[in-house]
C-alpha atoms as a PDB file:
ATOM      1  CA  MET A   1     -19.166   0.691  -9.856  1.00  0.00           C
ATOM      2  CA  ARG A   2     -22.128  -0.076 -12.085  1.00  0.00           C
ATOM      3  CA  ARG A   3     -23.084  -2.591 -14.716  1.00  0.00           C
ATOM      4  CA  VAL A   4     -22.681  -1.473 -18.311  1.00  0.00           C
ATOM      5  CA  GLY A   5     -24.639  -4.251 -19.960  1.00  0.00           C
ATOM      6  CA  ALA A   6     -21.692  -6.231 -21.332  1.00  0.00           C
ATOM      7  CA  VAL A   7     -20.764  -9.843 -20.563  1.00  0.00           C
ATOM      8  CA  ALA A   8     -18.841  -9.848 -17.285  1.00  0.00           C
ATOM      9  CA  SER A   9     -15.588 -11.643 -16.458  1.00  0.00           C
ATOM     10  CA  ILE A  10     -13.585 -12.121 -13.254  1.00  0.00           C
ATOM     11  CA  VAL A  11      -9.955 -11.020 -12.980  1.00  0.00           C
ATOM     12  CA  ALA A  12      -7.470 -11.044 -10.105  1.00  0.00           C
ATOM     13  CA  GLY A  13      -4.542  -8.998  -8.876  1.00  0.00           C
ATOM     14  CA  ILE A  14      -1.933 -10.049  -6.310  1.00  0.00           C
ATOM     15  CA  ASP A  15       0.452  -7.638  -4.584  1.00  0.00           C
ATOM     16  CA  VAL A  16       3.356  -9.407  -2.879  1.00  0.00           C
ATOM     17  CA  GLY A  17       4.939  -6.983  -0.426  1.00  0.00           C
ATOM     18  CA  SER A  18       7.807  -7.498   1.976  1.00  0.00           C
ATOM     19  CA  LEU A  19       5.503  -7.768   5.002  1.00  0.00           C
ATOM     20  CA  THR A  20       2.043  -8.593   3.646  1.00  0.00           C
ATOM     21  CA  THR A  21       0.538 -10.027   0.476  1.00  0.00           C
ATOM     22  CA  GLU A  22      -2.870  -8.955  -0.822  1.00  0.00           C
ATOM     23  CA  ALA A  23      -5.193 -10.349  -3.500  1.00  0.00           C
ATOM     24  CA  ALA A  24      -8.224  -8.693  -5.086  1.00  0.00           C
ATOM     25  CA  LEU A  25     -10.942 -10.053  -7.377  1.00  0.00           C
ATOM     26  CA  LEU A  26     -12.790  -7.752  -9.749  1.00  0.00           C
ATOM     27  CA  GLU A  27     -15.837  -8.364 -11.881  1.00  0.00           C
ATOM     28  CA  VAL A  28     -15.317  -6.480 -15.140  1.00  0.00           C
ATOM     29  CA  ALA A  29     -17.407  -5.820 -18.224  1.00  0.00           C
ATOM     30  CA  GLY A  30     -16.469  -7.146 -21.641  1.00  0.00           C
ATOM     31  CA  ASN A  31     -14.755  -3.834 -22.418  1.00  0.00           C
ATOM     32  CA  GLY A  32     -12.612  -4.086 -19.262  1.00  0.00           C
ATOM     33  CA  ALA A  33     -14.594  -1.554 -17.222  1.00  0.00           C
ATOM     34  CA  PRO A  34     -14.619  -2.470 -13.482  1.00  0.00           C
ATOM     35  CA  LEU A  35     -18.056  -3.402 -12.165  1.00  0.00           C
ATOM     36  CA  ARG A  36     -17.429  -4.381  -8.557  1.00  0.00           C
ATOM     37  CA  LEU A  37     -14.915  -5.757  -6.089  1.00  0.00           C
ATOM     38  CA  LEU A  38     -15.908  -9.369  -5.421  1.00  0.00           C
ATOM     39  CA  GLY A  39     -13.393 -10.437  -2.798  1.00  0.00           C
ATOM     40  CA  GLN A  40     -10.073  -9.650  -1.183  1.00  0.00           C
ATOM     41  CA  GLY A  41      -7.530 -11.435   0.967  1.00  0.00           C
ATOM     42  CA  MET A  42      -4.436 -10.467   2.940  1.00  0.00           C
ATOM     43  CA  VAL A  43      -1.800 -12.651   4.619  1.00  0.00           C
ATOM     44  CA  MET A  44       1.671 -12.161   6.060  1.00  0.00           C
ATOM     45  CA  THR A  45       4.307 -12.749   3.372  1.00  0.00           C
ATOM     46  CA  GLY A  46       6.850 -14.428   5.638  1.00  0.00           C
ATOM     47  CA  HIS A  47       9.628 -16.385   3.934  1.00  0.00           C
ATOM     48  CA  ASP A  48       7.426 -17.971   1.252  1.00  0.00           C
ATOM     49  CA  ALA A  49       6.236 -15.362  -1.239  1.00  0.00           C
ATOM     50  CA  ARG A  50       4.736 -17.979  -3.554  1.00  0.00           C
ATOM     51  CA  GLY A  51       2.796 -19.615  -0.735  1.00  0.00           C
ATOM     52  CA  ALA A  52       1.626 -16.219   0.540  1.00  0.00           C
ATOM     53  CA  ALA A  53       0.337 -15.318  -2.931  1.00  0.00           C
ATOM     54  CA  GLU A  54      -1.591 -18.584  -3.131  1.00  0.00           C
ATOM     55  CA  ALA A  55      -3.025 -18.094   0.373  1.00  0.00           C
ATOM     56  CA  ALA A  56      -4.124 -14.509  -0.304  1.00  0.00           C
ATOM     57  CA  LEU A  57      -5.791 -15.513  -3.574  1.00  0.00           C
ATOM     58  CA  ALA A  58      -7.492 -18.471  -1.875  1.00  0.00           C
ATOM     59  CA  ALA A  59      -8.864 -16.125   0.804  1.00  0.00           C
ATOM     60  CA  ALA A  60     -10.227 -13.729  -1.817  1.00  0.00           C
ATOM     61  CA  LEU A  61     -11.808 -16.585  -3.782  1.00  0.00           C
ATOM     62  CA  ALA A  62     -13.385 -18.017  -0.626  1.00  0.00           C
ATOM     63  CA  GLN A  63     -14.855 -14.631   0.261  1.00  0.00           C
ATOM     64  CA  ALA A  64     -16.367 -14.374  -3.216  1.00  0.00           C
ATOM     65  CA  GLY A  65     -17.523 -17.995  -3.293  1.00  0.00           C
ATOM     66  CA  LEU A  66     -15.453 -18.677  -6.416  1.00  0.00           C
ATOM     67  CA  GLY A  67     -12.783 -21.131  -7.575  1.00  0.00           C
ATOM     68  CA  ARG A  68      -9.451 -20.554  -9.318  1.00  0.00           C
ATOM     69  CA  GLY A  69     -10.985 -21.689 -12.602  1.00  0.00           C
ATOM     70  CA  ASP A  70     -13.394 -18.756 -12.482  1.00  0.00           C
ATOM     71  CA  VAL A  71     -10.515 -16.281 -12.854  1.00  0.00           C
ATOM     72  CA  LEU A  72      -9.955 -15.243 -16.449  1.00  0.00           C
ATOM     73  CA  ARG A  73      -6.651 -13.454 -15.929  1.00  0.00           C
ATOM     74  CA  LEU A  74      -4.202 -12.877 -13.064  1.00  0.00           C
ATOM     75  CA  VAL A  75      -1.663 -10.047 -12.761  1.00  0.00           C
ATOM     76  CA  ALA A  76       1.033  -9.883 -10.065  1.00  0.00           C
ATOM     77  CA  THR A  77       2.774  -6.833  -8.648  1.00  0.00           C
ATOM     78  CA  GLY A  78       4.999  -5.920  -5.694  1.00  0.00           C
ATOM     79  CA  TYR A  79       8.571  -6.771  -4.836  1.00  0.00           C
ATOM     80  CA  GLY A  80       7.788 -10.516  -4.871  1.00  0.00           C
ATOM     81  CA  ARG A  81       5.748 -10.558  -8.085  1.00  0.00           C
ATOM     82  CA  ILE A  82       8.201 -12.860  -9.822  1.00  0.00           C
ATOM     83  CA  ALA A  83       7.297 -15.602  -7.309  1.00  0.00           C
ATOM     84  CA  VAL A  84       3.576 -15.661  -8.130  1.00  0.00           C
ATOM     85  CA  ALA A  85       2.776 -18.944  -9.861  1.00  0.00           C
ATOM     86  CA  GLY A  86       0.316 -18.819 -12.732  1.00  0.00           C
ATOM     87  CA  ALA A  87       0.489 -15.048 -13.247  1.00  0.00           C
ATOM     88  CA  ASP A  88      -0.367 -14.017 -16.804  1.00  0.00           C
ATOM     89  CA  GLN A  89       1.539 -10.762 -16.400  1.00  0.00           C
ATOM     90  CA  ARG A  90       3.749  -8.934 -13.905  1.00  0.00           C
ATOM     91  CA  VAL A  91       3.404  -5.161 -13.536  1.00  0.00           C
ATOM     92  CA  THR A  92       5.400  -2.598 -11.548  1.00  0.00           C
ATOM     93  CA  GLU A  93       3.883  -1.508  -8.238  1.00  0.00           C
ATOM     94  CA  ILE A  94       4.145   2.167  -9.266  1.00  0.00           C
ATOM     95  CA  THR A  95       1.512   1.621 -11.941  1.00  0.00           C
ATOM     96  CA  CYS A  96      -0.648  -0.620  -9.782  1.00  0.00           C
ATOM     97  CA  HIS A  97      -0.747   1.627  -6.713  1.00  0.00           C
ATOM     98  CA  ALA A  98      -1.582   4.602  -8.926  1.00  0.00           C
ATOM     99  CA  ARG A  99      -4.443   2.772 -10.621  1.00  0.00           C
ATOM    100  CA  GLY A 100      -5.776   1.235  -7.424  1.00  0.00           C
ATOM    101  CA  ALA A 101      -5.765   4.555  -5.567  1.00  0.00           C
ATOM    102  CA  ARG A 102      -7.423   6.305  -8.481  1.00  0.00           C
ATOM    103  CA  LEU A 103     -10.228   3.736  -8.644  1.00  0.00           C
ATOM    104  CA  LEU A 104     -10.839   3.909  -4.893  1.00  0.00           C
ATOM    105  CA  LEU A 105     -10.431   7.698  -4.687  1.00  0.00           C
ATOM    106  CA  PRO A 106     -11.078   9.223  -8.139  1.00  0.00           C
ATOM    107  CA  ALA A 107      -9.982  12.755  -7.162  1.00  0.00           C
ATOM    108  CA  THR A 108      -6.415  11.573  -6.443  1.00  0.00           C
ATOM    109  CA  ARG A 109      -3.556  13.480  -8.092  1.00  0.00           C
ATOM    110  CA  THR A 110      -0.732  12.253  -5.824  1.00  0.00           C
ATOM    111  CA  VAL A 111      -0.316   8.867  -4.143  1.00  0.00           C
ATOM    112  CA  ILE A 112       1.851   8.381  -1.068  1.00  0.00           C
ATOM    113  CA  ASP A 113       2.483   4.697  -0.454  1.00  0.00           C
ATOM    114  CA  ILE A 114       4.464   3.712   2.635  1.00  0.00           C
ATOM    115  CA  GLY A 115       5.014  -0.011   2.603  1.00  0.00           C
ATOM    116  CA  GLY A 116       7.057  -2.432   4.636  1.00  0.00           C
ATOM    117  CA  GLN A 117      10.451  -1.765   3.072  1.00  0.00           C
ATOM    118  CA  ASP A 118      10.056   1.281   0.840  1.00  0.00           C
ATOM    119  CA  SER A 119       8.184   4.547   0.415  1.00  0.00           C
ATOM    120  CA  LYS A 120       7.001   6.017  -2.863  1.00  0.00           C
ATOM    121  CA  VAL A 121       5.249   9.141  -4.080  1.00  0.00           C
ATOM    122  CA  ILE A 122       3.430   8.904  -7.420  1.00  0.00           C
ATOM    123  CA  VAL A 123       2.161  11.940  -9.324  1.00  0.00           C
ATOM    124  CA  LEU A 124      -0.802  11.579 -11.701  1.00  0.00           C
ATOM    125  CA  ASP A 125      -2.213  13.754 -14.465  1.00  0.00           C
ATOM    126  CA  ASP A 126      -5.881  14.641 -14.910  1.00  0.00           C
ATOM    127  CA  GLY A 127      -6.530  11.288 -16.575  1.00  0.00           C
ATOM    128  CA  GLY A 128      -4.889   9.271 -13.810  1.00  0.00           C
ATOM    129  CA  ARG A 129      -1.710   8.459 -15.763  1.00  0.00           C
ATOM    130  CA  VAL A 130       1.645   8.420 -13.935  1.00  0.00           C
ATOM    131  CA  VAL A 131       3.709  11.468 -14.866  1.00  0.00           C
ATOM    132  CA  ASP A 132       6.442  11.258 -12.207  1.00  0.00           C
ATOM    133  CA  PHE A 133       7.421   9.436  -9.041  1.00  0.00           C
ATOM    134  CA  ALA A 134      10.057   9.392  -6.320  1.00  0.00           C
ATOM    135  CA  MET A 135      11.015   6.355  -4.297  1.00  0.00           C
ATOM    136  CA  ASN A 136      12.981   5.559  -1.155  1.00  0.00           C
ATOM    137  CA  ASP A 137      14.103   1.961  -1.650  1.00  0.00           C
ATOM    138  CA  LYS A 138      17.711   2.092  -0.441  1.00  0.00           C
ATOM    139  CA  CYS A 139      16.974   1.508   3.230  1.00  0.00           C
ATOM    140  CA  ALA A 140      14.052   0.965   5.595  1.00  0.00           C
ATOM    141  CA  ALA A 141      14.094   4.532   6.959  1.00  0.00           C
ATOM    142  CA  GLY A 142      10.587   5.934   7.217  1.00  0.00           C
ATOM    143  CA  THR A 143       8.877   2.683   6.246  1.00  0.00           C
ATOM    144  CA  GLY A 144       6.636   0.195   7.996  1.00  0.00           C
ATOM    145  CA  ARG A 145       9.678  -1.839   8.979  1.00  0.00           C
ATOM    146  CA  PHE A 146      11.226   1.243  10.597  1.00  0.00           C
ATOM    147  CA  LEU A 147       8.124   1.762  12.741  1.00  0.00           C
ATOM    148  CA  GLU A 148       7.965  -1.955  13.563  1.00  0.00           C
ATOM    149  CA  VAL A 149      11.532  -1.897  14.913  1.00  0.00           C
ATOM    150  CA  MET A 150      10.863   1.298  16.890  1.00  0.00           C
ATOM    151  CA  ALA A 151       7.693  -0.185  18.422  1.00  0.00           C
ATOM    152  CA  ALA A 152       9.682  -3.215  19.576  1.00  0.00           C
ATOM    153  CA  ALA A 153      12.360  -0.981  21.088  1.00  0.00           C
ATOM    154  CA  LEU A 154       9.668   0.979  22.921  1.00  0.00           C
ATOM    155  CA  GLY A 155       7.885  -2.145  24.100  1.00  0.00           C
ATOM    156  CA  VAL A 156       4.548  -1.057  22.609  1.00  0.00           C
ATOM    157  CA  ALA A 157       2.247  -2.667  20.057  1.00  0.00           C
ATOM    158  CA  LEU A 158       2.696  -1.359  16.527  1.00  0.00           C
ATOM    159  CA  ASP A 159      -1.078  -0.922  16.169  1.00  0.00           C
ATOM    160  CA  ASP A 160      -1.112   1.190  19.345  1.00  0.00           C
ATOM    161  CA  MET A 161       1.370   3.828  18.152  1.00  0.00           C
ATOM    162  CA  GLY A 162      -1.283   6.099  16.643  1.00  0.00           C
ATOM    163  CA  ARG A 163      -3.244   6.237  19.919  1.00  0.00           C
ATOM    164  CA  ARG A 164      -0.085   6.836  21.937  1.00  0.00           C
ATOM    165  CA  ASP A 165       0.825   9.713  19.597  1.00  0.00           C
ATOM    166  CA  ALA A 166      -2.559  11.371  20.256  1.00  0.00           C
ATOM    167  CA  ALA A 167      -1.905  11.223  24.012  1.00  0.00           C
ATOM    168  CA  ALA A 168       1.535  12.843  23.758  1.00  0.00           C
ATOM    169  CA  HIS A 169       2.333  16.246  25.254  1.00  0.00           C
ATOM    170  CA  GLY A 170       4.882  17.423  22.742  1.00  0.00           C
ATOM    171  CA  ALA A 171       7.415  15.450  20.731  1.00  0.00           C
ATOM    172  CA  VAL A 172      10.938  14.272  21.419  1.00  0.00           C
ATOM    173  CA  SER A 173      13.150  15.044  18.422  1.00  0.00           C
ATOM    174  CA  ILE A 174      14.687  12.017  16.698  1.00  0.00           C
ATOM    175  CA  SER A 175      18.013  12.911  15.080  1.00  0.00           C
ATOM    176  CA  SER A 176      18.589   9.764  12.980  1.00  0.00           C
ATOM    177  CA  MET A 177      16.357   8.043  10.443  1.00  0.00           C
ATOM    178  CA  CYS A 178      18.710   5.096   9.998  1.00  0.00           C
ATOM    179  CA  THR A 179      16.839   2.177  11.534  1.00  0.00           C
ATOM    180  CA  VAL A 180      19.874   0.897  13.461  1.00  0.00           C
ATOM    181  CA  PHE A 181      20.917   4.298  14.828  1.00  0.00           C
ATOM    182  CA  ALA A 182      17.315   5.377  15.536  1.00  0.00           C
ATOM    183  CA  GLU A 183      16.745   2.196  17.538  1.00  0.00           C
ATOM    184  CA  SER A 184      19.802   2.970  19.674  1.00  0.00           C
ATOM    185  CA  GLU A 185      18.595   6.551  20.070  1.00  0.00           C
ATOM    186  CA  VAL A 186      15.151   5.377  21.236  1.00  0.00           C
ATOM    187  CA  VAL A 187      16.731   3.027  23.779  1.00  0.00           C
ATOM    188  CA  SER A 188      18.822   5.942  25.106  1.00  0.00           C
ATOM    189  CA  LEU A 189      15.745   8.200  25.312  1.00  0.00           C
ATOM    190  CA  ILE A 190      13.884   5.550  27.308  1.00  0.00           C
ATOM    191  CA  ALA A 191      16.875   5.243  29.659  1.00  0.00           C
ATOM    192  CA  ALA A 192      16.766   9.041  30.068  1.00  0.00           C
ATOM    193  CA  GLN A 193      13.106   8.622  31.120  1.00  0.00           C
ATOM    194  CA  GLU A 194      11.652  10.551  28.213  1.00  0.00           C
ATOM    195  CA  PRO A 195       7.901   9.830  27.902  1.00  0.00           C
ATOM    196  CA  ARG A 196       7.225   7.024  25.461  1.00  0.00           C
ATOM    197  CA  ASP A 197       4.264   8.873  23.944  1.00  0.00           C
ATOM    198  CA  ALA A 198       6.481  11.850  23.144  1.00  0.00           C
ATOM    199  CA  ILE A 199       9.119   9.572  21.612  1.00  0.00           C
ATOM    200  CA  ILE A 200       6.439   7.994  19.421  1.00  0.00           C
ATOM    201  CA  ARG A 201       5.260  11.394  18.256  1.00  0.00           C
ATOM    202  CA  GLY A 202       8.862  12.318  17.479  1.00  0.00           C
ATOM    203  CA  LEU A 203       9.233   9.170  15.374  1.00  0.00           C
ATOM    204  CA  HIS A 204       6.043   9.976  13.472  1.00  0.00           C
ATOM    205  CA  GLU A 205       7.249  13.532  12.869  1.00  0.00           C
ATOM    206  CA  ALA A 206      10.512  12.177  11.493  1.00  0.00           C
ATOM    207  CA  VAL A 207       8.711   9.793   9.129  1.00  0.00           C
ATOM    208  CA  ALA A 208       6.435  12.623   7.971  1.00  0.00           C
ATOM    209  CA  GLU A 209       9.371  14.964   7.358  1.00  0.00           C
ATOM    210  CA  ARG A 210      11.143  12.378   5.226  1.00  0.00           C
ATOM    211  CA  THR A 211       7.979  11.529   3.279  1.00  0.00           C
ATOM    212  CA  ALA A 212       7.112  15.201   2.689  1.00  0.00           C
ATOM    213  CA  ALA A 213      10.595  15.721   1.236  1.00  0.00           C
ATOM    214  CA  LEU A 214       9.983  12.771  -1.106  1.00  0.00           C
ATOM    215  CA  CYS A 215       6.663  14.343  -2.100  1.00  0.00           C
ATOM    216  CA  ALA A 216       8.338  17.667  -2.875  1.00  0.00           C
ATOM    217  CA  ARG A 217      10.971  15.899  -4.954  1.00  0.00           C
ATOM    218  CA  ALA A 218       8.290  14.240  -7.076  1.00  0.00           C
ATOM    219  CA  GLY A 219       6.282  17.446  -7.448  1.00  0.00           C
ATOM    220  CA  GLY A 220       3.229  16.081  -5.654  1.00  0.00           C
ATOM    221  CA  ALA A 221       0.127  18.259  -5.289  1.00  0.00           C
ATOM    222  CA  PRO A 222      -3.345  17.809  -3.749  1.00  0.00           C
ATOM    223  CA  PRO A 223      -5.594  15.908  -3.648  1.00  0.00           C
ATOM    224  CA  VAL A 224      -3.194  13.427  -2.004  1.00  0.00           C
ATOM    225  CA  ALA A 225      -4.147   9.805  -1.292  1.00  0.00           C
ATOM    226  CA  MET A 226      -2.226   7.560   1.091  1.00  0.00           C
ATOM    227  CA  THR A 227      -1.986   3.805   0.632  1.00  0.00           C
ATOM    228  CA  GLY A 228      -0.035   1.037   2.346  1.00  0.00           C
ATOM    229  CA  GLY A 229      -0.185  -0.254   5.888  1.00  0.00           C
ATOM    230  CA  VAL A 230       1.270   2.894   7.487  1.00  0.00           C
ATOM    231  CA  ALA A 231      -1.859   4.777   6.350  1.00  0.00           C
ATOM    232  CA  LYS A 232      -3.581   3.056   9.295  1.00  0.00           C
ATOM    233  CA  ASN A 233      -1.281   4.885  11.717  1.00  0.00           C
ATOM    234  CA  ALA A 234      -3.197   8.014  12.735  1.00  0.00           C
ATOM    235  CA  GLY A 235      -0.038   9.603  14.144  1.00  0.00           C
ATOM    236  CA  VAL A 236       1.838   9.438  10.843  1.00  0.00           C
ATOM    237  CA  VAL A 237      -1.258  10.658   8.978  1.00  0.00           C
ATOM    238  CA  ARG A 238      -1.604  13.637  11.337  1.00  0.00           C
ATOM    239  CA  ALA A 239       2.064  14.559  11.014  1.00  0.00           C
ATOM    240  CA  LEU A 240       1.985  14.241   7.222  1.00  0.00           C
ATOM    241  CA  GLU A 241      -1.141  16.359   6.917  1.00  0.00           C
ATOM    242  CA  ALA A 242       0.553  19.082   8.960  1.00  0.00           C
ATOM    243  CA  ARG A 243       3.690  18.927   6.788  1.00  0.00           C
ATOM    244  CA  LEU A 244       1.802  18.913   3.482  1.00  0.00           C
ATOM    245  CA  LYS A 245      -0.898  21.341   4.675  1.00  0.00           C
ATOM    246  CA  THR A 246      -3.664  19.205   3.203  1.00  0.00           C
ATOM    247  CA  ARG A 247      -6.048  16.456   4.283  1.00  0.00           C
ATOM    248  CA  LEU A 248      -5.021  13.003   3.081  1.00  0.00           C
ATOM    249  CA  LEU A 249      -7.506  10.783   1.261  1.00  0.00           C
ATOM    250  CA  ILE A 250      -7.324   7.265   2.733  1.00  0.00           C
ATOM    251  CA  PRO A 251      -9.345   4.300   1.416  1.00  0.00           C
ATOM    252  CA  PRO A 252     -10.993   1.918   3.934  1.00  0.00           C
ATOM    253  CA  ASP A 253      -8.393  -0.785   3.197  1.00  0.00           C
ATOM    254  CA  PRO A 254      -5.265   1.169   2.172  1.00  0.00           C
ATOM    255  CA  GLN A 255      -3.134  -1.959   1.797  1.00  0.00           C
ATOM    256  CA  MET A 256      -5.379  -3.253  -0.999  1.00  0.00           C
ATOM    257  CA  ALA A 257      -4.625  -0.510  -3.529  1.00  0.00           C
ATOM    258  CA  GLY A 258      -1.765  -2.363  -5.228  1.00  0.00           C
ATOM    259  CA  ALA A 259      -3.715  -5.596  -5.644  1.00  0.00           C
ATOM    260  CA  ILE A 260      -6.730  -3.703  -6.995  1.00  0.00           C
ATOM    261  CA  GLY A 261      -4.472  -1.889  -9.448  1.00  0.00           C
ATOM    262  CA  ALA A 262      -3.044  -5.234 -10.574  1.00  0.00           C
ATOM    263  CA  ALA A 263      -6.589  -6.522 -11.089  1.00  0.00           C
ATOM    264  CA  LEU A 264      -7.295  -3.466 -13.258  1.00  0.00           C
ATOM    265  CA  ALA A 265      -4.254  -4.351 -15.356  1.00  0.00           C
ATOM    266  CA  ALA A 266      -5.685  -7.847 -15.700  1.00  0.00           C
ATOM    267  CA  ALA A 267      -8.990  -6.301 -16.789  1.00  0.00           C
ATOM    268  CA  ASP A 268      -7.222  -4.387 -19.574  1.00  0.00           C
ATOM    269  CA  ALA A 269      -5.715  -7.591 -20.916  1.00  0.00           C
ATOM    270  CA  ALA A 270      -8.965  -9.541 -20.508  1.00  0.00           C
ATOM    271  CA  ALA A 271     -10.717  -6.987 -22.702  1.00  0.00           C
ATOM    272  CA  GLY A 272      -8.224  -7.573 -25.533  1.00  0.00           C
ATOM    273  CA  PRO A 273      -9.055  -9.460 -28.732  1.00  0.00           C
ATOM    274  CA  THR A 274      -7.054 -12.569 -27.855  1.00  0.00           C
ATOM    275  CA  ARG A 275      -8.152 -13.205 -24.289  1.00  0.00           C
ATOM    276  CA  PRO A 276      -8.002 -16.867 -23.190  1.00  0.00           C
ATOM    277  CA  ALA A 277     -10.984 -18.900 -22.114  1.00  0.00           C
ATOM    278  CA  PRO A 278     -11.553 -19.265 -18.350  1.00  0.00           C
ATOM    279  CA  GLY A 279      -9.436 -22.000 -16.825  1.00  0.00           C
ATOM    280  CA  SER A 280      -7.114 -22.244 -19.838  1.00  0.00           C
END
């Protein structure tokens, strides 16, 4: 990002997900063009979405050395966006993840976002506008929650699943993607003394197969970016790349894409003719 010579403002975006909540602060020019990312924060959502939003924003402000009164406009997104106090606007996560991914990875034409409770594939045109999307939001199959439950059943750390996948010699096929049935299946495989690493690889293959089908349904095409917490799982990334036959573009902090996209929406509004004064 670079300065364009206009008077700068500070805007914020908050993405309240089922597992984590993120906040991002952007410095933007008077015409709404992003200049730089000033701060970001992430906390566990827990049972208090409003409190999580406040904590994530406070963390981002502290990192930037700013106060709430410095923020000109705040936009909320995510499943818990309605709970964000003081939001000037609430925007769908489809739009925000698309915009955030495109800013972080400008070549992006398709965004795969695997969050805590849902998965989505978003297709963009040459200008970065959303032209189609497909979403799995009916159950937790293939999501971060699915992997969290499977890790608990296996007795391994969720963050260790990618490394365990890399050590596997082959994969054990997982027949069910229903979280309840898959958990029972994993317990049975452990009792049958199947190697845990191979079970983990089988789970990652199953997630990748389901996500690739979602991508095909939406008409996704390379370059493909991946956002959301599951993008940190090297096993899922490997399996998806094999299914899609392309390298995935992954930003350094893939969970921040939604919050950054929300901040970009705030920048659009801040550039309008009737923008409020800071702290109003």
